[in-house]
C-alpha atoms as a PDB file:
ATOM      1  CA  MET A   1      62.539 150.682 -19.422  1.00  0.00           C
ATOM      2  CA  SER A   2      65.059 151.521 -22.129  1.00  0.00           C
ATOM      3  CA  PHE A   3      66.829 148.845 -24.114  1.00  0.00           C
ATOM      4  CA  SER A   4      70.022 150.899 -24.218  1.00  0.00           C
ATOM      5  CA  PRO A   5      72.405 152.147 -21.545  1.00  0.00           C
ATOM      6  CA  LYS A   6      72.606 155.877 -20.913  1.00  0.00           C
ATOM      7  CA  MET A   7      73.597 157.826 -23.997  1.00  0.00           C
ATOM      8  CA  THR A   8      77.162 158.577 -22.865  1.00  0.00           C
ATOM      9  CA  SER A   9      77.749 154.920 -22.009  1.00  0.00           C
ATOM     10  CA  HIS A  10      76.106 153.959 -25.291  1.00  0.00           C
ATOM     11  CA  ARG A  11      78.527 156.056 -27.351  1.00  0.00           C
ATOM     12  CA  LYS A  12      81.517 154.776 -25.392  1.00  0.00           C
ATOM     13  CA  PHE A  13      80.314 151.208 -25.852  1.00  0.00           C
ATOM     14  CA  ARG A  14      80.087 151.576 -29.641  1.00  0.00           C
ATOM     15  CA  VAL A  15      83.602 153.028 -29.885  1.00  0.00           C
ATOM     16  CA  VAL A  16      85.142 150.361 -27.636  1.00  0.00           C
ATOM     17  CA  PHE A  17      83.248 147.539 -29.349  1.00  0.00           C
ATOM     18  CA  VAL A  18      84.191 148.571 -32.898  1.00  0.00           C
ATOM     19  CA  PHE A  19      87.818 149.133 -31.902  1.00  0.00           C
ATOM     20  CA  SER A  20      88.137 145.847 -30.000  1.00  0.00           C
ATOM     21  CA  PHE A  21      86.534 143.689 -32.696  1.00  0.00           C
ATOM     22  CA  SER A  22      88.532 145.413 -35.448  1.00  0.00           C
ATOM     23  CA  LEU A  23      91.701 144.707 -33.472  1.00  0.00           C
ATOM     24  CA  PHE A  24      90.551 141.118 -33.004  1.00  0.00           C
ATOM     25  CA  LEU A  25      90.066 140.692 -36.773  1.00  0.00           C
ATOM     26  CA  LEU A  26      93.527 142.064 -37.462  1.00  0.00           C
ATOM     27  CA  MET A  27      95.171 139.805 -34.889  1.00  0.00           C
ATOM     28  CA  ALA A  28      93.259 136.698 -35.979  1.00  0.00           C
ATOM     29  CA  ASN A  29      94.060 137.173 -39.665  1.00  0.00           C
ATOM     30  CA  PHE A  30      97.714 138.075 -39.273  1.00  0.00           C
ATOM     31  CA  LEU A  31      98.379 135.448 -36.603  1.00  0.00           C
ATOM     32  CA  ALA A  32     100.644 132.687 -37.830  1.00  0.00           C
ATOM     33  CA  ASP A  33      98.476 129.934 -39.271  1.00  0.00           C
ATOM     34  CA  PRO A  34      99.839 127.093 -37.074  1.00  0.00           C
ATOM     35  CA  PHE A  35      98.454 128.838 -33.977  1.00  0.00           C
ATOM     36  CA  LEU A  36      94.895 128.390 -35.291  1.00  0.00           C
ATOM     37  CA  GLN A  37      95.337 124.801 -36.485  1.00  0.00           C
ATOM     38  CA  PRO A  38      94.206 123.319 -33.120  1.00  0.00           C
ATOM     39  CA  LEU A  39      90.930 125.250 -33.406  1.00  0.00           C
ATOM     40  CA  ARG A  40      90.354 123.908 -36.918  1.00  0.00           C
ATOM     41  CA  VAL A  41      91.124 120.366 -35.761  1.00  0.00           C
ATOM     42  CA  TYR A  42      88.784 120.740 -32.788  1.00  0.00           C
ATOM     43  CA  THR A  43      85.977 122.022 -35.043  1.00  0.00           C
ATOM     44  CA  ALA A  44      86.424 119.078 -37.403  1.00  0.00           C
ATOM     45  CA  PHE A  45      86.488 116.631 -34.468  1.00  0.00           C
ATOM     46  CA  ALA A  46      83.343 118.074 -32.845  1.00  0.00           C
ATOM     47  CA  SER A  47      81.431 118.055 -36.133  1.00  0.00           C
ATOM     48  CA  GLY A  48      82.664 114.549 -36.933  1.00  0.00           C
ATOM     49  CA  PHE A  49      81.556 113.342 -33.508  1.00  0.00           C
ATOM     50  CA  PHE A  50      78.078 114.738 -34.143  1.00  0.00           C
ATOM     51  CA  LEU A  51      77.933 113.100 -37.577  1.00  0.00           C
ATOM     52  CA  LYS A  52      78.913 109.702 -36.176  1.00  0.00           C
ATOM     53  CA  ALA A  53      76.320 110.093 -33.415  1.00  0.00           C
ATOM     54  CA  VAL A  54      73.547 110.378 -36.014  1.00  0.00           C
ATOM     55  CA  GLY A  55      74.876 107.459 -38.051  1.00  0.00           C
ATOM     56  CA  ILE A  56      76.818 109.215 -40.828  1.00  0.00           C
ATOM     57  CA  ASN A  57      79.860 107.318 -42.098  1.00  0.00           C
ATOM     58  CA  ALA A  58      82.429 110.081 -41.644  1.00  0.00           C
ATOM     59  CA  SER A  59      85.953 110.184 -40.310  1.00  0.00           C
ATOM     60  CA  VAL A  60      88.159 113.060 -39.199  1.00  0.00           C
ATOM     61  CA  ARG A  61      91.698 113.520 -40.460  1.00  0.00           C
ATOM     62  CA  GLY A  62      93.190 116.611 -38.913  1.00  0.00           C
ATOM     63  CA  SER A  63      91.092 119.513 -40.140  1.00  0.00           C
ATOM     64  CA  TYR A  64      89.334 117.383 -42.776  1.00  0.00           C
ATOM     65  CA  ILE A  65      86.027 115.562 -42.466  1.00  0.00           C
ATOM     66  CA  VAL A  66      85.760 112.804 -45.055  1.00  0.00           C
ATOM     67  CA  SER A  67      83.258 110.170 -46.126  1.00  0.00           C
ATOM     68  CA  PRO A  68      83.147 107.825 -49.117  1.00  0.00           C
ATOM     69  CA  VAL A  69      81.089 110.366 -51.091  1.00  0.00           C
ATOM     70  CA  PHE A  70      81.974 113.800 -49.704  1.00  0.00           C
ATOM     71  CA  SER A  71      84.651 115.689 -47.786  1.00  0.00           C
ATOM     72  CA  VAL A  72      85.211 119.162 -46.364  1.00  0.00           C
ATOM     73  CA  HIS A  73      88.248 121.064 -45.188  1.00  0.00           C
ATOM     74  CA  ILE A  74      87.761 123.211 -42.093  1.00  0.00           C
ATOM     75  CA  ILE A  75      89.379 126.630 -42.561  1.00  0.00           C
ATOM     76  CA  ASN A  76      89.463 129.490 -40.067  1.00  0.00           C
ATOM     77  CA  GLU A  77      86.178 130.948 -41.329  1.00  0.00           C
ATOM     78  CA  CYS A  78      84.507 127.561 -40.693  1.00  0.00           C
ATOM     79  CA  THR A  79      85.270 127.720 -36.979  1.00  0.00           C
ATOM     80  CA  SER A  80      83.402 129.743 -34.367  1.00  0.00           C
ATOM     81  CA  LEU A  81      86.432 132.043 -34.024  1.00  0.00           C
ATOM     82  CA  PHE A  82      84.919 135.160 -35.592  1.00  0.00           C
ATOM     83  CA  ALA A  83      81.345 134.746 -34.378  1.00  0.00           C
ATOM     84  CA  GLY A  84      82.664 134.028 -30.895  1.00  0.00           C
ATOM     85  CA  GLY A  85      85.041 136.977 -31.188  1.00  0.00           C
ATOM     86  CA  LEU A  86      82.159 139.293 -32.001  1.00  0.00           C
ATOM     87  CA  PHE A  87      80.198 138.078 -28.971  1.00  0.00           C
ATOM     88  CA  PHE A  88      83.277 138.279 -26.750  1.00  0.00           C
ATOM     89  CA  CYS A  89      84.050 141.884 -27.750  1.00  0.00           C
ATOM     90  CA  PHE A  90      80.390 142.911 -27.435  1.00  0.00           C
ATOM     91  CA  VAL A  91      80.016 141.516 -23.911  1.00  0.00           C
ATOM     92  CA  LEU A  92      83.318 142.948 -22.691  1.00  0.00           C
ATOM     93  CA  SER A  93      82.510 146.384 -24.148  1.00  0.00           C
ATOM     94  CA  TYR A  94      78.917 146.569 -22.920  1.00  0.00           C
ATOM     95  CA  PRO A  95      78.277 148.477 -19.658  1.00  0.00           C
ATOM     96  CA  ALA A  96      77.461 145.604 -17.315  1.00  0.00           C
ATOM     97  CA  GLY A  97      78.864 144.110 -14.136  1.00  0.00           C
ATOM     98  CA  PHE A  98      81.729 141.615 -13.975  1.00  0.00           C
ATOM     99  CA  HIS A  99      79.412 138.803 -12.816  1.00  0.00           C
ATOM    100  CA  GLN A 100      76.966 139.470 -15.654  1.00  0.00           C
ATOM    101  CA  LYS A 101      79.754 139.514 -18.232  1.00  0.00           C
ATOM    102  CA  THR A 102      81.182 136.278 -16.862  1.00  0.00           C
ATOM    103  CA  ILE A 103      77.791 134.549 -17.072  1.00  0.00           C
ATOM    104  CA  GLY A 104      77.355 135.871 -20.605  1.00  0.00           C
ATOM    105  CA  LEU A 105      80.717 134.611 -21.830  1.00  0.00           C
ATOM    106  CA  LEU A 106      80.449 131.225 -20.122  1.00  0.00           C
ATOM    107  CA  SER A 107      77.020 130.599 -21.647  1.00  0.00           C
ATOM    108  CA  GLY A 108      77.174 132.459 -24.957  1.00  0.00           C
ATOM    109  CA  LEU A 109      80.507 131.234 -26.309  1.00  0.00           C
ATOM    110  CA  PRO A 110      79.675 127.501 -25.931  1.00  0.00           C
ATOM    111  CA  MET A 111      76.257 128.131 -27.489  1.00  0.00           C
ATOM    112  CA  ILE A 112      77.816 129.834 -30.529  1.00  0.00           C
ATOM    113  CA  ASP A 113      80.302 126.981 -30.844  1.00  0.00           C
ATOM    114  CA  PHE A 114      77.465 124.438 -30.645  1.00  0.00           C
ATOM    115  CA  VAL A 115      75.494 126.232 -33.365  1.00  0.00           C
ATOM    116  CA  ASN A 116      78.605 126.297 -35.541  1.00  0.00           C
ATOM    117  CA  THR A 117      79.261 122.582 -34.991  1.00  0.00           C
ATOM    118  CA  PHE A 118      75.623 121.805 -35.776  1.00  0.00           C
ATOM    119  CA  ARG A 119      75.619 123.847 -39.005  1.00  0.00           C
ATOM    120  CA  ILE A 120      78.841 122.187 -40.245  1.00  0.00           C
ATOM    121  CA  ALA A 121      77.361 118.761 -39.581  1.00  0.00           C
ATOM    122  CA  ILE A 122      74.113 119.675 -41.347  1.00  0.00           C
ATOM    123  CA  ASN A 123      76.027 121.061 -44.313  1.00  0.00           C
ATOM    124  CA  PHE A 124      78.118 117.897 -44.477  1.00  0.00           C
ATOM    125  CA  MET A 125      74.969 115.767 -44.581  1.00  0.00           C
ATOM    126  CA  VAL A 126      73.573 117.985 -47.332  1.00  0.00           C
ATOM    127  CA  GLY A 127      76.824 117.466 -49.254  1.00  0.00           C
ATOM    128  CA  CYS A 128      76.498 113.706 -48.855  1.00  0.00           C
ATOM    129  CA  PHE A 129      72.846 113.352 -49.825  1.00  0.00           C
ATOM    130  CA  TYR A 130      72.015 116.514 -51.807  1.00  0.00           C
ATOM    131  CA  PRO A 131      75.347 117.750 -53.208  1.00  0.00           C
ATOM    132  CA  SER A 132      73.707 120.205 -55.625  1.00  0.00           C
ATOM    133  CA  LEU A 133      72.341 122.141 -52.632  1.00  0.00           C
ATOM    134  CA  PHE A 134      75.575 122.260 -50.642  1.00  0.00           C
ATOM    135  CA  THR A 135      76.795 125.619 -51.949  1.00  0.00           C
ATOM    136  CA  TYR A 136      73.509 127.286 -51.048  1.00  0.00           C
ATOM    137  CA  THR A 137      73.140 125.819 -47.555  1.00  0.00           C
ATOM    138  CA  HIS A 138      76.822 126.475 -46.876  1.00  0.00           C
ATOM    139  CA  VAL A 139      76.457 130.172 -47.702  1.00  0.00           C
ATOM    140  CA  TYR A 140      73.129 130.639 -45.898  1.00  0.00           C
ATOM    141  CA  MET A 141      74.119 128.805 -42.722  1.00  0.00           C
ATOM    142  CA  GLY A 142      77.720 130.004 -42.697  1.00  0.00           C
ATOM    143  CA  GLN A 143      77.277 133.626 -43.708  1.00  0.00           C
ATOM    144  CA  ILE A 144      73.794 134.559 -42.531  1.00  0.00           C
ATOM    145  CA  LEU A 145      72.675 132.088 -39.884  1.00  0.00           C
ATOM    146  CA  MET A 146      75.899 132.319 -37.864  1.00  0.00           C
ATOM    147  CA  ALA A 147      75.638 136.112 -37.759  1.00  0.00           C
ATOM    148  CA  ILE A 148      71.975 135.849 -36.707  1.00  0.00           C
ATOM    149  CA  ALA A 149      72.791 133.241 -34.042  1.00  0.00           C
ATOM    150  CA  THR A 150      75.506 135.491 -32.621  1.00  0.00           C
ATOM    151  CA  ILE A 151      73.136 138.458 -32.487  1.00  0.00           C
ATOM    152  CA  GLY A 152      70.563 136.206 -30.844  1.00  0.00           C
ATOM    153  CA  CYS A 153      73.031 135.327 -28.086  1.00  0.00           C
ATOM    154  CA  VAL A 154      73.809 139.023 -27.664  1.00  0.00           C
ATOM    155  CA  LEU A 155      70.117 139.911 -27.302  1.00  0.00           C
ATOM    156  CA  ILE A 156      69.385 137.105 -24.867  1.00  0.00           C
ATOM    157  CA  TRP A 157      72.336 138.177 -22.731  1.00  0.00           C
ATOM    158  CA  ILE A 158      71.221 141.832 -22.778  1.00  0.00           C
ATOM    159  CA  PHE A 159      67.776 140.774 -21.637  1.00  0.00           C
ATOM    160  CA  TYR A 160      69.409 138.793 -18.851  1.00  0.00           C
ATOM    161  CA  VAL A 161      71.332 141.925 -17.846  1.00  0.00           C
ATOM    162  CA  GLN A 162      68.076 143.892 -17.927  1.00  0.00           C
ATOM    163  CA  SER A 163      66.146 141.188 -16.146  1.00  0.00           C
ATOM    164  CA  ASP A 164      62.774 142.974 -16.223  1.00  0.00           C
ATOM    165  CA  HIS A 165      62.364 141.948 -19.877  1.00  0.00           C
ATOM    166  CA  ALA A 166      60.819 138.617 -20.834  1.00  0.00           C
ATOM    167  CA  LEU A 167      63.032 136.064 -22.583  1.00  0.00           C
ATOM    168  CA  LYS A 168      60.426 135.347 -25.258  1.00  0.00           C
ATOM    169  CA  HIS A 169      60.922 138.749 -26.895  1.00  0.00           C
ATOM    170  CA  PRO A 170      64.447 138.275 -28.284  1.00  0.00           C
ATOM    171  CA  LEU A 171      63.608 134.735 -29.331  1.00  0.00           C
ATOM    172  CA  LEU A 172      60.597 135.942 -31.325  1.00  0.00           C
ATOM    173  CA  PHE A 173      62.748 138.628 -32.896  1.00  0.00           C
ATOM    174  CA  ILE A 174      65.318 136.039 -34.003  1.00  0.00           C
ATOM    175  CA  VAL A 175      62.542 133.855 -35.456  1.00  0.00           C
ATOM    176  CA  ARG A 176      61.396 136.833 -37.519  1.00  0.00           C
ATOM    177  CA  VAL A 177      64.952 137.526 -38.670  1.00  0.00           C
ATOM    178  CA  VAL A 178      65.441 133.894 -39.764  1.00  0.00           C
ATOM    179  CA  ALA A 179      62.100 133.887 -41.596  1.00  0.00           C
ATOM    180  CA  ILE A 180      62.831 137.148 -43.430  1.00  0.00           C
ATOM    181  CA  SER A 181      66.393 136.147 -44.308  1.00  0.00           C
ATOM    182  CA  SER A 182      65.102 132.865 -45.752  1.00  0.00           C
ATOM    183  CA  MET A 183      62.678 134.771 -47.976  1.00  0.00           C
ATOM    184  CA  LEU A 184      65.339 137.254 -49.126  1.00  0.00           C
ATOM    185  CA  PHE A 185      68.028 134.639 -49.730  1.00  0.00           C
ATOM    186  CA  TYR A 186      66.500 133.120 -52.859  1.00  0.00           C
ATOM    187  CA  PRO A 187      65.927 136.335 -54.863  1.00  0.00           C
ATOM    188  CA  TRP A 188      69.381 137.591 -53.907  1.00  0.00           C
ATOM    189  CA  ILE A 189      70.880 134.454 -55.493  1.00  0.00           C
ATOM    190  CA  TRP A 190      69.682 135.803 -58.840  1.00  0.00           C
ATOM    191  CA  ILE A 191      70.499 139.467 -58.180  1.00  0.00           C
ATOM    192  CA  GLN A 192      73.993 139.109 -56.681  1.00  0.00           C
ATOM    193  CA  ARG A 193      75.670 138.218 -59.986  1.00  0.00           C
ATOM    194  CA  LEU A 194      74.386 141.435 -61.616  1.00  0.00           C
ATOM    195  CA  TYR A 195      75.463 143.343 -58.509  1.00  0.00           C
ATOM    196  CA  VAL A 196      79.021 142.000 -58.779  1.00  0.00           C
ATOM    197  CA  MET A 197      79.108 142.637 -62.537  1.00  0.00           C
ATOM    198  CA  PHE A 198      78.108 146.262 -61.901  1.00  0.00           C
ATOM    199  CA  MET A 199      81.081 146.711 -59.558  1.00  0.00           C
ATOM    200  CA  ASP A 200      83.366 145.058 -62.087  1.00  0.00           C
ATOM    201  CA  VAL A 201      82.247 147.479 -64.811  1.00  0.00           C
ATOM    202  CA  ILE A 202      83.309 150.355 -62.540  1.00  0.00           C
ATOM    203  CA  LEU A 203      86.669 148.677 -61.886  1.00  0.00           C
ATOM    204  CA  PHE A 204      87.151 147.981 -65.601  1.00  0.00           C
ATOM    205  CA  HIS A 205      86.777 151.654 -66.469  1.00  0.00           C
ATOM    206  CA  LEU A 206      88.774 152.759 -63.428  1.00  0.00           C
ATOM    207  CA  PHE A 207      91.797 150.673 -64.398  1.00  0.00           C
ATOM    208  CA  GLY A 208      91.253 151.582 -68.047  1.00  0.00           C
ATOM    209  CA  ILE A 209      92.056 155.193 -67.185  1.00  0.00           C
ATOM    210  CA  PHE A 210      95.610 154.045 -66.394  1.00  0.00           C
ATOM    211  CA  GLY A 211      95.876 151.964 -69.561  1.00  0.00           C
ATOM    212  CA  ASN A 212      95.142 148.591 -67.957  1.00  0.00           C
ATOM    213  CA  THR A 213      92.621 146.282 -69.615  1.00  0.00           C
ATOM    214  CA  LEU A 214      91.188 143.749 -67.206  1.00  0.00           C
ATOM    215  CA  THR A 215      89.007 140.701 -67.766  1.00  0.00           C
ATOM    216  CA  PHE A 216      86.561 139.746 -65.021  1.00  0.00           C
ATOM    217  CA  PRO A 217      85.436 136.108 -65.130  1.00  0.00           C
ATOM    218  CA  HIS A 218      82.169 135.431 -63.306  1.00  0.00           C
ATOM    219  CA  GLN A 219      82.379 131.681 -62.803  1.00  0.00           C
ATOM    220  CA  HIS A 220      81.161 131.584 -59.190  1.00  0.00           C
ATOM    221  CA  THR A 221      77.626 130.460 -58.454  1.00  0.00           C
ATOM    222  CA  LEU A 222      77.468 132.603 -55.329  1.00  0.00           C
ATOM    223  CA  TYR A 223      79.511 135.630 -54.337  1.00  0.00           C
ATOM    224  CA  VAL A 224      79.677 134.947 -50.635  1.00  0.00           C
ATOM    225  CA  GLN A 225      80.764 138.401 -49.502  1.00  0.00           C
ATOM    226  CA  THR A 226      77.561 140.022 -50.833  1.00  0.00           C
ATOM    227  CA  PHE A 227      75.156 138.087 -48.623  1.00  0.00           C
ATOM    228  CA  ASP A 228      75.715 140.409 -45.668  1.00  0.00           C
ATOM    229  CA  LEU A 229      73.116 142.584 -47.440  1.00  0.00           C
ATOM    230  CA  VAL A 230      70.578 139.852 -46.678  1.00  0.00           C
ATOM    231  CA  THR A 231      71.668 139.770 -43.026  1.00  0.00           C
ATOM    232  CA  LEU A 232      71.340 143.532 -42.636  1.00  0.00           C
ATOM    233  CA  SER A 233      67.985 143.687 -44.435  1.00  0.00           C
ATOM    234  CA  SER A 234      66.587 140.913 -42.250  1.00  0.00           C
ATOM    235  CA  LEU A 235      67.691 142.573 -39.019  1.00  0.00           C
ATOM    236  CA  VAL A 236      66.237 145.943 -39.992  1.00  0.00           C
ATOM    237  CA  LEU A 237      62.939 144.623 -41.379  1.00  0.00           C
ATOM    238  CA  ALA A 238      62.389 142.308 -38.387  1.00  0.00           C
ATOM    239  CA  THR A 239      62.684 145.176 -35.904  1.00  0.00           C
ATOM    240  CA  ARG A 240      59.283 146.435 -34.808  1.00  0.00           C
ATOM    241  CA  GLN A 241      58.396 149.881 -33.415  1.00  0.00           C
ATOM    242  CA  VAL A 242      60.750 151.545 -35.887  1.00  0.00           C
ATOM    243  CA  GLY A 243      58.954 153.526 -38.555  1.00  0.00           C
ATOM    244  CA  LEU A 244      59.245 152.570 -42.208  1.00  0.00           C
ATOM    245  CA  LYS A 245      60.902 155.883 -43.070  1.00  0.00           C
ATOM    246  CA  ARG A 246      63.649 155.391 -40.477  1.00  0.00           C
ATOM    247  CA  LYS A 247      64.142 151.796 -41.640  1.00  0.00           C
ATOM    248  CA  MET A 248      64.583 152.943 -45.235  1.00  0.00           C
ATOM    249  CA  ILE A 249      67.069 155.635 -44.177  1.00  0.00           C
ATOM    250  CA  TRP A 250      69.198 153.142 -42.256  1.00  0.00           C
ATOM    251  CA  LEU A 251      68.915 150.497 -44.970  1.00  0.00           C
ATOM    252  CA  THR A 252      70.020 152.977 -47.608  1.00  0.00           C
ATOM    253  CA  SER A 253      72.972 154.098 -45.470  1.00  0.00           C
ATOM    254  CA  GLY A 254      73.832 150.498 -44.640  1.00  0.00           C
ATOM    255  CA  PHE A 255      73.664 149.402 -48.262  1.00  0.00           C
ATOM    256  CA  GLY A 256      76.000 152.260 -49.169  1.00  0.00           C
ATOM    257  CA  MET A 257      78.544 151.209 -46.541  1.00  0.00           C
ATOM    258  CA  LEU A 258      78.345 147.543 -47.520  1.00  0.00           C
ATOM    259  CA  PHE A 259      78.632 148.425 -51.205  1.00  0.00           C
ATOM    260  CA  LEU A 260      81.875 150.245 -50.390  1.00  0.00           C
ATOM    261  CA  MET A 261      83.140 147.165 -48.542  1.00  0.00           C
ATOM    262  CA  HIS A 262      82.198 144.904 -51.456  1.00  0.00           C
ATOM    263  CA  PHE A 263      83.876 147.260 -53.924  1.00  0.00           C
ATOM    264  CA  LEU A 264      87.061 147.247 -51.853  1.00  0.00           C
ATOM    265  CA  PHE A 265      86.851 143.445 -51.723  1.00  0.00           C
ATOM    266  CA  ARG A 266      86.652 143.249 -55.530  1.00  0.00           C
ATOM    267  CA  LEU A 267      89.475 145.776 -55.816  1.00  0.00           C
ATOM    268  CA  GLY A 268      91.579 143.619 -53.515  1.00  0.00           C
ATOM    269  CA  ASN A 269      90.834 140.602 -55.717  1.00  0.00           C
ATOM    270  CA  VAL A 270      92.140 142.541 -58.725  1.00  0.00           C
ATOM    271  CA  PHE A 271      95.427 143.271 -56.973  1.00  0.00           C
ATOM    272  CA  LEU A 272      95.653 139.644 -55.825  1.00  0.00           C
ATOM    273  CA  THR A 273      94.902 137.933 -59.150  1.00  0.00           C
ATOM    274  CA  ALA A 274      96.061 140.449 -61.762  1.00  0.00           C
ATOM    275  CA  TYR A 275      99.114 141.820 -59.964  1.00  0.00           C
ATOM    276  CA  GLN A 276      99.960 138.913 -57.589  1.00  0.00           C
ATOM    277  CA  PHE A 277      99.900 141.255 -54.601  1.00  0.00           C
ATOM    278  CA  GLU A 278      99.754 138.555 -51.916  1.00  0.00           C
ATOM    279  CA  PRO A 279      98.886 140.797 -48.895  1.00  0.00           C
ATOM    280  CA  ALA A 280      95.582 141.544 -50.651  1.00  0.00           C
ATOM    281  CA  PHE A 281      94.350 138.091 -49.604  1.00  0.00           C
ATOM    282  CA  LYS A 282      94.457 138.883 -45.890  1.00  0.00           C
ATOM    283  CA  ILE A 283      93.119 142.384 -46.508  1.00  0.00           C
ATOM    284  CA  THR A 284      90.103 141.094 -48.431  1.00  0.00           C
ATOM    285  CA  THR A 285      89.504 138.447 -45.757  1.00  0.00           C
ATOM    286  CA  ILE A 286      89.307 141.161 -43.084  1.00  0.00           C
ATOM    287  CA  ILE A 287      86.986 143.228 -45.294  1.00  0.00           C
ATOM    288  CA  HIS A 288      84.749 140.209 -45.812  1.00  0.00           C
ATOM    289  CA  LEU A 289      84.585 139.327 -42.100  1.00  0.00           C
ATOM    290  CA  ALA A 290      83.902 142.930 -41.110  1.00  0.00           C
ATOM    291  CA  GLY A 291      81.046 142.970 -43.613  1.00  0.00           C
ATOM    292  CA  GLN A 292      79.687 139.649 -42.438  1.00  0.00           C
ATOM    293  CA  PHE A 293      79.673 140.399 -38.717  1.00  0.00           C
ATOM    294  CA  LEU A 294      80.606 143.909 -37.636  1.00  0.00           C
ATOM    295  CA  LEU A 295      78.819 146.226 -40.067  1.00  0.00           C
ATOM    296  CA  PRO A 296      75.357 144.579 -40.006  1.00  0.00           C
ATOM    297  CA  VAL A 297      75.425 144.499 -36.200  1.00  0.00           C
ATOM    298  CA  MET A 298      76.543 148.111 -35.824  1.00  0.00           C
ATOM    299  CA  ILE A 299      74.171 149.474 -38.478  1.00  0.00           C
ATOM    300  CA  TRP A 300      71.244 147.659 -36.874  1.00  0.00           C
ATOM    301  CA  TYR A 301      72.352 148.717 -33.402  1.00  0.00           C
ATOM    302  CA  GLY A 302      72.641 152.315 -34.601  1.00  0.00           C
ATOM    303  CA  MET A 303      69.096 152.198 -35.956  1.00  0.00           C
ATOM    304  CA  VAL A 304      67.786 150.718 -32.719  1.00  0.00           C
ATOM    305  CA  HIS A 305      69.347 153.521 -30.679  1.00  0.00           C
ATOM    306  CA  SER A 306      68.776 156.424 -33.045  1.00  0.00           C
ATOM    307  CA  GLY A 307      66.335 159.062 -31.929  1.00  0.00           C
ATOM    308  CA  LYS A 308      65.161 159.526 -28.363  1.00  0.00           C
ATOM    309  CA  PRO A 309      65.850 156.823 -25.801  1.00  0.00           C
ATOM    310  CA  SER A 310      62.460 155.486 -24.881  1.00  0.00           C
ATOM    311  CA  ALA A 311      60.655 152.322 -24.061  1.00  0.00           C
ATOM    312  CA  PHE A 312      61.703 151.082 -27.462  1.00  0.00           C
ATOM    313  CA  HIS A 313      62.180 147.379 -27.651  1.00  0.00           C
ATOM    314  CA  PRO A 314      63.609 145.877 -30.861  1.00  0.00           C
ATOM    315  CA  SER A 315      61.978 142.506 -30.431  1.00  0.00           C
ATOM    316  CA  ARG A 316      58.420 143.118 -29.337  1.00  0.00           C
END
């Protein structure tokens, strides 16, 4: 039994999915901010409720969660909006029946929201008791774990649609992805600064051609937008029954595409900070979200479905 739909449906699905999620990102980022405030308030309330349930002295003030020793502000990227949007667009685009899509949305979207609420609460507790670790857990759970959780919901739903597959397979795959991403996260902490500096050297010389001398401060501990490389690597390496050569080909292609996204992100930051070009903020946000969610999923999905359709199963 093939994991994928027929090849014509498969191609149509990819086009519709990429288009719909790209449109979703544009709409969500250019939507007037007050329209998304209720979602931020809800996210803060749900996380605050969880924290109080486990005995943490925290209160919610609008989109803020505060305690005597720590506080966080819930922004759009802290909500389940984009992870849920990815799942929503995937399910609607995938060739399945109306009943199956309805079941998927009614079960998957609350699960993604629960995972997001849980990770915010855990991060808040880390900030209260181990503040030096907050930046690291915030990036891992927010950037990598949420993408993995969304893909996990997608896989479980696909295996529900193709009911002859056992549920344990996608769960084992997700466990492998989490384990590999945890191992790759630490070394990337040390590499990512050099990676960003390399891009900045290119930008320095590029702008120098036009007589502009730029200074690039590197004061951030973590460059959040680069950690989608960890997500992609984990997905590819955790997939069994794909040969090492094909994995390396797709990883190399994926790294190239993500490098381009990261370079455009840095370029947007230059226009924002050096030239006060305000629209660059929303543009870089879209680039970052596409790199966090869309590109890793589509590159991995492309690898899974490259070659002949067979009894291939990504999570055996």
